[in-house]
Amino acid sequence: MYKRLSLEYYFAGTGFSDLLPLALQMARELHFTREEMIEAICKVADKARMYPPTRNRQAWFAAVFREKLLEARAEIMALKKKYPYNRF
């Protein structure tokens, strides 16, 4: 059985560990789950590789993370709709 990885692990692996408190605050305010946050930070890392922030890294992260949280929720909901009996 696999060990459940912490959010700190994902944020450190993507290079955004210093922005974890901001991400947690945003996720709480917008009522997102841990799974949605993990999916979103992976998407943020992908976008950062293609379009790295040049100015105000924190503002860039906040805007992109919010966008990716919404995308993650939509994808997870679509997956649950497609496979209603498959548990994550």
C-alpha atoms as a PDB file:
ATOM      1  CA  MET A   1       0.000   0.000   0.000  1.00  0.00           C
ATOM      2  CA  TYR A   2       1.321   3.443  -0.859  1.00  0.00           C
ATOM      3  CA  LYS A   3       1.995   6.183   1.614  1.00  0.00           C
ATOM      4  CA  ARG A   4      -0.194   9.224   1.186  1.00  0.00           C
ATOM      5  CA  LEU A   5       2.076  12.097   0.229  1.00  0.00           C
ATOM      6  CA  SER A   6       1.712  15.471   1.865  1.00  0.00           C
ATOM      7  CA  LEU A   7       0.986  18.740   0.130  1.00  0.00           C
ATOM      8  CA  GLU A   8       4.422  19.942   1.205  1.00  0.00           C
ATOM      9  CA  TYR A   9       5.964  17.171  -0.893  1.00  0.00           C
ATOM     10  CA  TYR A  10       4.100  18.276  -4.026  1.00  0.00           C
ATOM     11  CA  PHE A  11       4.828  21.973  -3.512  1.00  0.00           C
ATOM     12  CA  ALA A  12       8.516  21.309  -2.825  1.00  0.00           C
ATOM     13  CA  GLY A  13       8.777  19.082  -5.864  1.00  0.00           C
ATOM     14  CA  THR A  14       7.376  21.789  -8.112  1.00  0.00           C
ATOM     15  CA  GLY A  15       9.462  24.612  -6.659  1.00  0.00           C
ATOM     16  CA  PHE A  16       6.595  26.490  -5.035  1.00  0.00           C
ATOM     17  CA  SER A  17       7.075  25.412  -1.417  1.00  0.00           C
ATOM     18  CA  ASP A  18       7.314  29.025  -0.267  1.00  0.00           C
ATOM     19  CA  LEU A  19       3.802  29.671  -1.613  1.00  0.00           C
ATOM     20  CA  LEU A  20       2.095  26.788   0.202  1.00  0.00           C
ATOM     21  CA  PRO A  21       0.525  29.089   2.858  1.00  0.00           C
ATOM     22  CA  LEU A  22      -1.010  31.234   0.093  1.00  0.00           C
ATOM     23  CA  ALA A  23      -2.293  28.127  -1.682  1.00  0.00           C
ATOM     24  CA  LEU A  24      -3.821  26.724   1.503  1.00  0.00           C
ATOM     25  CA  GLN A  25      -5.558  30.024   2.218  1.00  0.00           C
ATOM     26  CA  MET A  26      -6.950  30.210  -1.321  1.00  0.00           C
ATOM     27  CA  ALA A  27      -8.137  26.594  -1.229  1.00  0.00           C
ATOM     28  CA  ARG A  28      -9.882  27.095   2.123  1.00  0.00           C
ATOM     29  CA  GLU A  29     -11.632  30.255   0.957  1.00  0.00           C
ATOM     30  CA  LEU A  30     -12.784  28.612  -2.274  1.00  0.00           C
ATOM     31  CA  HIS A  31     -13.631  25.243  -0.606  1.00  0.00           C
ATOM     32  CA  PHE A  32     -11.289  23.034  -2.624  1.00  0.00           C
ATOM     33  CA  THR A  33     -10.151  19.574  -1.553  1.00  0.00           C
ATOM     34  CA  ARG A  34      -6.637  18.214  -1.094  1.00  0.00           C
ATOM     35  CA  GLU A  35      -6.927  16.168  -4.293  1.00  0.00           C
ATOM     36  CA  GLU A  36      -7.907  19.252  -6.266  1.00  0.00           C
ATOM     37  CA  MET A  37      -4.946  21.123  -4.811  1.00  0.00           C
ATOM     38  CA  ILE A  38      -2.535  18.360  -5.820  1.00  0.00           C
ATOM     39  CA  GLU A  39      -3.872  18.328  -9.365  1.00  0.00           C
ATOM     40  CA  ALA A  40      -3.716  22.126  -9.530  1.00  0.00           C
ATOM     41  CA  ILE A  41      -0.113  22.417  -8.311  1.00  0.00           C
ATOM     42  CA  CYS A  42       0.995  19.896 -10.916  1.00  0.00           C
ATOM     43  CA  LYS A  43      -0.752  21.969 -13.588  1.00  0.00           C
ATOM     44  CA  VAL A  44       0.855  25.150 -12.243  1.00  0.00           C
ATOM     45  CA  ALA A  45       4.276  23.509 -12.468  1.00  0.00           C
ATOM     46  CA  ASP A  46       3.607  22.547 -16.088  1.00  0.00           C
ATOM     47  CA  LYS A  47       2.595  26.096 -16.924  1.00  0.00           C
ATOM     48  CA  ALA A  48       5.626  27.504 -15.092  1.00  0.00           C
ATOM     49  CA  ARG A  49       7.895  25.393 -17.286  1.00  0.00           C
ATOM     50  CA  MET A  50       6.332  26.878 -20.436  1.00  0.00           C
ATOM     51  CA  TYR A  51       5.666  30.422 -19.198  1.00  0.00           C
ATOM     52  CA  PRO A  52       7.804  31.133 -16.123  1.00  0.00           C
ATOM     53  CA  PRO A  53       6.852  34.137 -14.008  1.00  0.00           C
ATOM     54  CA  THR A  54       9.103  37.085 -14.745  1.00  0.00           C
ATOM     55  CA  ARG A  55       7.664  39.626 -12.306  1.00  0.00           C
ATOM     56  CA  ASN A  56       5.736  39.346  -9.069  1.00  0.00           C
ATOM     57  CA  ARG A  57       5.939  35.576  -8.723  1.00  0.00           C
ATOM     58  CA  GLN A  58       3.380  35.544  -5.909  1.00  0.00           C
ATOM     59  CA  ALA A  59       0.692  37.341  -7.954  1.00  0.00           C
ATOM     60  CA  TRP A  60       1.426  35.108 -10.954  1.00  0.00           C
ATOM     61  CA  PHE A  61       1.079  32.037  -8.760  1.00  0.00           C
ATOM     62  CA  ALA A  62      -2.185  33.228  -7.204  1.00  0.00           C
ATOM     63  CA  ALA A  63      -3.803  33.861 -10.587  1.00  0.00           C
ATOM     64  CA  VAL A  64      -2.581  30.639 -12.180  1.00  0.00           C
ATOM     65  CA  PHE A  65      -3.280  28.483  -9.114  1.00  0.00           C
ATOM     66  CA  ARG A  66      -6.884  29.709  -8.948  1.00  0.00           C
ATOM     67  CA  GLU A  67      -7.348  28.969 -12.658  1.00  0.00           C
ATOM     68  CA  LYS A  68      -5.839  25.507 -12.267  1.00  0.00           C
ATOM     69  CA  LEU A  69      -7.922  24.755  -9.163  1.00  0.00           C
ATOM     70  CA  LEU A  70     -11.051  25.344 -11.215  1.00  0.00           C
ATOM     71  CA  GLU A  71      -9.713  23.147 -14.029  1.00  0.00           C
ATOM     72  CA  ALA A  72      -8.823  20.412 -11.559  1.00  0.00           C
ATOM     73  CA  ARG A  73     -12.301  20.443 -10.041  1.00  0.00           C
ATOM     74  CA  ALA A  74     -13.895  20.185 -13.483  1.00  0.00           C
ATOM     75  CA  GLU A  75     -11.649  17.282 -14.485  1.00  0.00           C
ATOM     76  CA  ILE A  76     -12.225  15.387 -11.254  1.00  0.00           C
ATOM     77  CA  MET A  77     -15.979  15.895 -11.482  1.00  0.00           C
ATOM     78  CA  ALA A  78     -15.981  14.687 -15.105  1.00  0.00           C
ATOM     79  CA  LEU A  79     -13.948  11.632 -14.142  1.00  0.00           C
ATOM     80  CA  LYS A  80     -16.319  10.805 -11.276  1.00  0.00           C
ATOM     81  CA  LYS A  81     -19.281  11.204 -13.635  1.00  0.00           C
ATOM     82  CA  LYS A  82     -17.680   8.885 -16.192  1.00  0.00           C
ATOM     83  CA  TYR A  83     -16.692   6.253 -13.606  1.00  0.00           C
ATOM     84  CA  PRO A  84     -19.211   6.689 -10.762  1.00  0.00           C
ATOM     85  CA  TYR A  85     -18.199   3.483  -8.974  1.00  0.00           C
ATOM     86  CA  ASN A  86     -14.459   4.031  -9.177  1.00  0.00           C
ATOM     87  CA  ARG A  87     -13.156   5.425  -5.910  1.00  0.00           C
ATOM     88  CA  PHE A  88     -10.054   7.610  -5.820  1.00  0.00           C
END
